[in-house]
Amino acid sequence: MAKKGVKMLVKLRNPETGTFYTTYRNPKSPNTTEKLSFRKYDKKTRKHEIFVENKI
């Protein structure tokens, strides 16, 4: 089997409610130089909100 590359664990946090998700990102990719931001479901507001990358 091929050796797995190193993936960074990233916390995506909603700044308004404090809800967070964790995900992985590829640090070797040149396309991931800025902070990640995803539109995901927030359980507190029961809506889709923007989650931004934050320190773990």
PDB file of N, CA and C in Angstrom:
ATOM      1  N   MET A   1       0.827  -1.187   0.000  1.00  0.00           N
ATOM      2  CA  MET A   1       0.000   0.000   0.000  1.00  0.00           C
ATOM      3  C   MET A   1       0.871   1.251   0.000  1.00  0.00           C
ATOM      4  N   ALA A   2       0.356   2.271  -0.566  1.00  0.00           N
ATOM      5  CA  ALA A   2       1.072   3.539  -0.603  1.00  0.00           C
ATOM      6  C   ALA A   2       1.009   4.199   0.770  1.00  0.00           C
ATOM      7  N   LYS A   3       2.041   4.946   1.069  1.00  0.00           N
ATOM      8  CA  LYS A   3       2.088   5.643   2.347  1.00  0.00           C
ATOM      9  C   LYS A   3       1.170   6.860   2.292  1.00  0.00           C
ATOM     10  N   LYS A   4       0.397   7.030   3.315  1.00  0.00           N
ATOM     11  CA  LYS A   4      -0.526   8.163   3.374  1.00  0.00           C
ATOM     12  C   LYS A   4       0.246   9.458   3.619  1.00  0.00           C
ATOM     13  N   GLY A   5      -0.201  10.538   3.002  1.00  0.00           N
ATOM     14  CA  GLY A   5       0.408  11.832   3.208  1.00  0.00           C
ATOM     15  C   GLY A   5      -0.059  12.442   4.514  1.00  0.00           C
ATOM     16  N   VAL A   6       0.631  13.458   4.958  1.00  0.00           N
ATOM     17  CA  VAL A   6       0.277  14.127   6.203  1.00  0.00           C
ATOM     18  C   VAL A   6      -0.897  15.062   5.929  1.00  0.00           C
ATOM     19  N   LYS A   7      -1.952  14.921   6.709  1.00  0.00           N
ATOM     20  CA  LYS A   7      -3.100  15.812   6.580  1.00  0.00           C
ATOM     21  C   LYS A   7      -3.236  16.598   7.871  1.00  0.00           C
ATOM     22  N   MET A   8      -3.582  17.852   7.752  1.00  0.00           N
ATOM     23  CA  MET A   8      -3.733  18.695   8.927  1.00  0.00           C
ATOM     24  C   MET A   8      -5.186  18.664   9.389  1.00  0.00           C
ATOM     25  N   LEU A   9      -5.384  18.519  10.687  1.00  0.00           N
ATOM     26  CA  LEU A   9      -6.713  18.595  11.268  1.00  0.00           C
ATOM     27  C   LEU A   9      -7.056  20.056  11.466  1.00  0.00           C
ATOM     28  N   VAL A  10      -8.238  20.456  10.998  1.00  0.00           N
ATOM     29  CA  VAL A  10      -8.653  21.851  11.028  1.00  0.00           C
ATOM     30  C   VAL A  10     -10.006  21.945  11.709  1.00  0.00           C
ATOM     31  N   LYS A  11     -10.187  22.992  12.504  1.00  0.00           N
ATOM     32  CA  LYS A  11     -11.480  23.233  13.148  1.00  0.00           C
ATOM     33  C   LYS A  11     -12.190  24.346  12.394  1.00  0.00           C
ATOM     34  N   LEU A  12     -13.401  24.067  11.927  1.00  0.00           N
ATOM     35  CA  LEU A  12     -14.227  25.075  11.270  1.00  0.00           C
ATOM     36  C   LEU A  12     -15.225  25.575  12.302  1.00  0.00           C
ATOM     37  N   ARG A  13     -15.233  26.880  12.559  1.00  0.00           N
ATOM     38  CA  ARG A  13     -16.049  27.433  13.632  1.00  0.00           C
ATOM     39  C   ARG A  13     -16.940  28.544  13.107  1.00  0.00           C
ATOM     40  N   ASN A  14     -18.175  28.577  13.612  1.00  0.00           N
ATOM     41  CA  ASN A  14     -19.077  29.670  13.305  1.00  0.00           C
ATOM     42  C   ASN A  14     -18.817  30.767  14.336  1.00  0.00           C
ATOM     43  N   PRO A  15     -18.362  31.955  13.912  1.00  0.00           N
ATOM     44  CA  PRO A  15     -18.023  33.004  14.884  1.00  0.00           C
ATOM     45  C   PRO A  15     -19.225  33.549  15.651  1.00  0.00           C
ATOM     46  N   GLU A  16     -20.421  33.406  15.112  1.00  0.00           N
ATOM     47  CA  GLU A  16     -21.598  33.955  15.782  1.00  0.00           C
ATOM     48  C   GLU A  16     -22.079  33.076  16.929  1.00  0.00           C
ATOM     49  N   THR A  17     -22.109  31.747  16.718  1.00  0.00           N
ATOM     50  CA  THR A  17     -22.668  30.855  17.732  1.00  0.00           C
ATOM     51  C   THR A  17     -21.632  30.019  18.457  1.00  0.00           C
ATOM     52  N   GLY A  18     -20.440  29.864  17.903  1.00  0.00           N
ATOM     53  CA  GLY A  18     -19.410  29.056  18.541  1.00  0.00           C
ATOM     54  C   GLY A  18     -19.474  27.582  18.179  1.00  0.00           C
ATOM     55  N   THR A  19     -20.441  27.174  17.366  1.00  0.00           N
ATOM     56  CA  THR A  19     -20.533  25.788  16.915  1.00  0.00           C
ATOM     57  C   THR A  19     -19.365  25.487  15.997  1.00  0.00           C
ATOM     58  N   PHE A  20     -18.843  24.252  16.048  1.00  0.00           N
ATOM     59  CA  PHE A  20     -17.696  23.932  15.205  1.00  0.00           C
ATOM     60  C   PHE A  20     -17.796  22.526  14.635  1.00  0.00           C
ATOM     61  N   TYR A  21     -17.107  22.336  13.524  1.00  0.00           N
ATOM     62  CA  TYR A  21     -16.894  21.048  12.868  1.00  0.00           C
ATOM     63  C   TYR A  21     -15.389  20.845  12.776  1.00  0.00           C
ATOM     64  N   THR A  22     -14.953  19.598  12.659  1.00  0.00           N
ATOM     65  CA  THR A  22     -13.543  19.329  12.393  1.00  0.00           C
ATOM     66  C   THR A  22     -13.441  18.630  11.047  1.00  0.00           C
ATOM     67  N   THR A  23     -12.380  18.944  10.318  1.00  0.00           N
ATOM     68  CA  THR A  23     -12.150  18.353   9.013  1.00  0.00           C
ATOM     69  C   THR A  23     -10.647  18.330   8.757  1.00  0.00           C
ATOM     70  N   TYR A  24     -10.243  17.729   7.662  1.00  0.00           N
ATOM     71  CA  TYR A  24      -8.837  17.659   7.282  1.00  0.00           C
ATOM     72  C   TYR A  24      -8.595  18.519   6.059  1.00  0.00           C
ATOM     73  N   ARG A  25      -7.366  19.012   5.950  1.00  0.00           N
ATOM     74  CA  ARG A  25      -6.969  19.738   4.750  1.00  0.00           C
ATOM     75  C   ARG A  25      -5.614  19.243   4.299  1.00  0.00           C
ATOM     76  N   ASN A  26      -5.361  19.364   3.010  1.00  0.00           N
ATOM     77  CA  ASN A  26      -4.104  18.923   2.430  1.00  0.00           C
ATOM     78  C   ASN A  26      -3.123  20.094   2.453  1.00  0.00           C
ATOM     79  N   PRO A  27      -2.069  20.021   3.281  1.00  0.00           N
ATOM     80  CA  PRO A  27      -1.141  21.153   3.362  1.00  0.00           C
ATOM     81  C   PRO A  27      -0.231  21.284   2.139  1.00  0.00           C
ATOM     82  N   LYS A  28      -0.114  20.241   1.317  1.00  0.00           N
ATOM     83  CA  LYS A  28       0.769  20.286   0.149  1.00  0.00           C
ATOM     84  C   LYS A  28       0.114  20.937  -1.063  1.00  0.00           C
ATOM     85  N   SER A  29      -1.187  21.112  -1.025  1.00  0.00           N
ATOM     86  CA  SER A  29      -1.883  21.681  -2.169  1.00  0.00           C
ATOM     87  C   SER A  29      -1.637  23.187  -2.259  1.00  0.00           C
ATOM     88  N   PRO A  30      -1.308  23.700  -3.423  1.00  0.00           N
ATOM     89  CA  PRO A  30      -1.091  25.145  -3.553  1.00  0.00           C
ATOM     90  C   PRO A  30      -2.389  25.942  -3.511  1.00  0.00           C
ATOM     91  N   ASN A  31      -3.524  25.275  -3.632  1.00  0.00           N
ATOM     92  CA  ASN A  31      -4.809  25.976  -3.641  1.00  0.00           C
ATOM     93  C   ASN A  31      -5.337  26.281  -2.248  1.00  0.00           C
ATOM     94  N   THR A  32      -4.683  25.805  -1.193  1.00  0.00           N
ATOM     95  CA  THR A  32      -5.201  26.002   0.162  1.00  0.00           C
ATOM     96  C   THR A  32      -4.310  26.939   0.967  1.00  0.00           C
ATOM     97  N   THR A  33      -3.966  28.079   0.404  1.00  0.00           N
ATOM     98  CA  THR A  33      -3.122  29.024   1.119  1.00  0.00           C
ATOM     99  C   THR A  33      -3.945  29.921   2.039  1.00  0.00           C
ATOM    100  N   GLU A  34      -5.175  30.235   1.696  1.00  0.00           N
ATOM    101  CA  GLU A  34      -6.009  31.075   2.559  1.00  0.00           C
ATOM    102  C   GLU A  34      -6.858  30.182   3.470  1.00  0.00           C
ATOM    103  N   LYS A  35      -7.552  30.807   4.407  1.00  0.00           N
ATOM    104  CA  LYS A  35      -8.373  30.057   5.350  1.00  0.00           C
ATOM    105  C   LYS A  35      -9.557  29.420   4.642  1.00  0.00           C
ATOM    106  N   LEU A  36      -9.911  28.220   5.082  1.00  0.00           N
ATOM    107  CA  LEU A  36     -11.062  27.534   4.520  1.00  0.00           C
ATOM    108  C   LEU A  36     -12.339  28.155   5.063  1.00  0.00           C
ATOM    109  N   SER A  37     -13.367  28.173   4.257  1.00  0.00           N
ATOM    110  CA  SER A  37     -14.688  28.582   4.730  1.00  0.00           C
ATOM    111  C   SER A  37     -15.723  27.743   3.989  1.00  0.00           C
ATOM    112  N   PHE A  38     -16.628  27.168   4.756  1.00  0.00           N
ATOM    113  CA  PHE A  38     -17.669  26.313   4.211  1.00  0.00           C
ATOM    114  C   PHE A  38     -19.017  26.774   4.706  1.00  0.00           C
ATOM    115  N   ARG A  39     -20.026  26.513   3.932  1.00  0.00           N
ATOM    116  CA  ARG A  39     -21.396  26.778   4.337  1.00  0.00           C
ATOM    117  C   ARG A  39     -21.973  25.458   4.811  1.00  0.00           C
ATOM    118  N   LYS A  40     -22.149  25.329   6.129  1.00  0.00           N
ATOM    119  CA  LYS A  40     -22.599  24.085   6.733  1.00  0.00           C
ATOM    120  C   LYS A  40     -23.779  24.355   7.645  1.00  0.00           C
ATOM    121  N   TYR A  41     -24.437  23.282   8.072  1.00  0.00           N
ATOM    122  CA  TYR A  41     -25.621  23.387   8.919  1.00  0.00           C
ATOM    123  C   TYR A  41     -25.211  23.667  10.361  1.00  0.00           C
ATOM    124  N   ASP A  42     -25.818  24.684  10.966  1.00  0.00           N
ATOM    125  CA  ASP A  42     -25.585  25.025  12.369  1.00  0.00           C
ATOM    126  C   ASP A  42     -26.775  24.544  13.186  1.00  0.00           C
ATOM    127  N   LYS A  43     -26.512  23.692  14.170  1.00  0.00           N
ATOM    128  CA  LYS A  43     -27.587  23.108  14.966  1.00  0.00           C
ATOM    129  C   LYS A  43     -28.246  24.125  15.887  1.00  0.00           C
ATOM    130  N   LYS A  44     -27.509  25.144  16.313  1.00  0.00           N
ATOM    131  CA  LYS A  44     -28.078  26.135  17.239  1.00  0.00           C
ATOM    132  C   LYS A  44     -29.076  27.053  16.546  1.00  0.00           C
ATOM    133  N   THR A  45     -28.755  27.498  15.335  1.00  0.00           N
ATOM    134  CA  THR A  45     -29.660  28.393  14.617  1.00  0.00           C
ATOM    135  C   THR A  45     -30.595  27.640  13.685  1.00  0.00           C
ATOM    136  N   ARG A  46     -30.314  26.350  13.464  1.00  0.00           N
ATOM    137  CA  ARG A  46     -31.075  25.490  12.558  1.00  0.00           C
ATOM    138  C   ARG A  46     -31.138  26.068  11.144  1.00  0.00           C
ATOM    139  N   LYS A  47     -30.000  26.611  10.708  1.00  0.00           N
ATOM    140  CA  LYS A  47     -29.854  27.161   9.362  1.00  0.00           C
ATOM    141  C   LYS A  47     -28.472  26.811   8.843  1.00  0.00           C
ATOM    142  N   HIS A  48     -28.259  26.996   7.563  1.00  0.00           N
ATOM    143  CA  HIS A  48     -26.927  26.878   6.987  1.00  0.00           C
ATOM    144  C   HIS A  48     -26.208  28.203   7.201  1.00  0.00           C
ATOM    145  N   GLU A  49     -25.033  28.131   7.810  1.00  0.00           N
ATOM    146  CA  GLU A  49     -24.240  29.316   8.126  1.00  0.00           C
ATOM    147  C   GLU A  49     -22.840  29.127   7.556  1.00  0.00           C
ATOM    148  N   ILE A  50     -22.054  30.195   7.538  1.00  0.00           N
ATOM    149  CA  ILE A  50     -20.681  30.126   7.067  1.00  0.00           C
ATOM    150  C   ILE A  50     -19.767  29.782   8.233  1.00  0.00           C
ATOM    151  N   PHE A  51     -18.971  28.720   8.076  1.00  0.00           N
ATOM    152  CA  PHE A  51     -17.999  28.288   9.063  1.00  0.00           C
ATOM    153  C   PHE A  51     -16.614  28.591   8.511  1.00  0.00           C
ATOM    154  N   VAL A  52     -15.753  29.203   9.349  1.00  0.00           N
ATOM    155  CA  VAL A  52     -14.423  29.647   8.935  1.00  0.00           C
ATOM    156  C   VAL A  52     -13.390  28.851   9.714  1.00  0.00           C
ATOM    157  N   GLU A  53     -12.246  28.607   9.077  1.00  0.00           N
ATOM    158  CA  GLU A  53     -11.156  27.867   9.714  1.00  0.00           C
ATOM    159  C   GLU A  53     -10.659  28.619  10.943  1.00  0.00           C
ATOM    160  N   ASN A  54     -10.376  27.843  12.008  1.00  0.00           N
ATOM    161  CA  ASN A  54      -9.926  28.405  13.266  1.00  0.00           C
ATOM    162  C   ASN A  54      -8.860  27.500  13.854  1.00  0.00           C
ATOM    163  N   LYS A  55      -8.087  27.987  14.820  1.00  0.00           N
ATOM    164  CA  LYS A  55      -7.076  27.161  15.476  1.00  0.00           C
ATOM    165  C   LYS A  55      -7.753  26.105  16.327  1.00  0.00           C
ATOM    166  N   ILE A  56      -7.089  24.962  16.463  1.00  0.00           N
ATOM    167  CA  ILE A  56      -7.619  23.894  17.315  1.00  0.00           C
ATOM    168  C   ILE A  56      -7.177  24.124  18.728  1.00  0.00           C
TER     169      ILE A  56
END
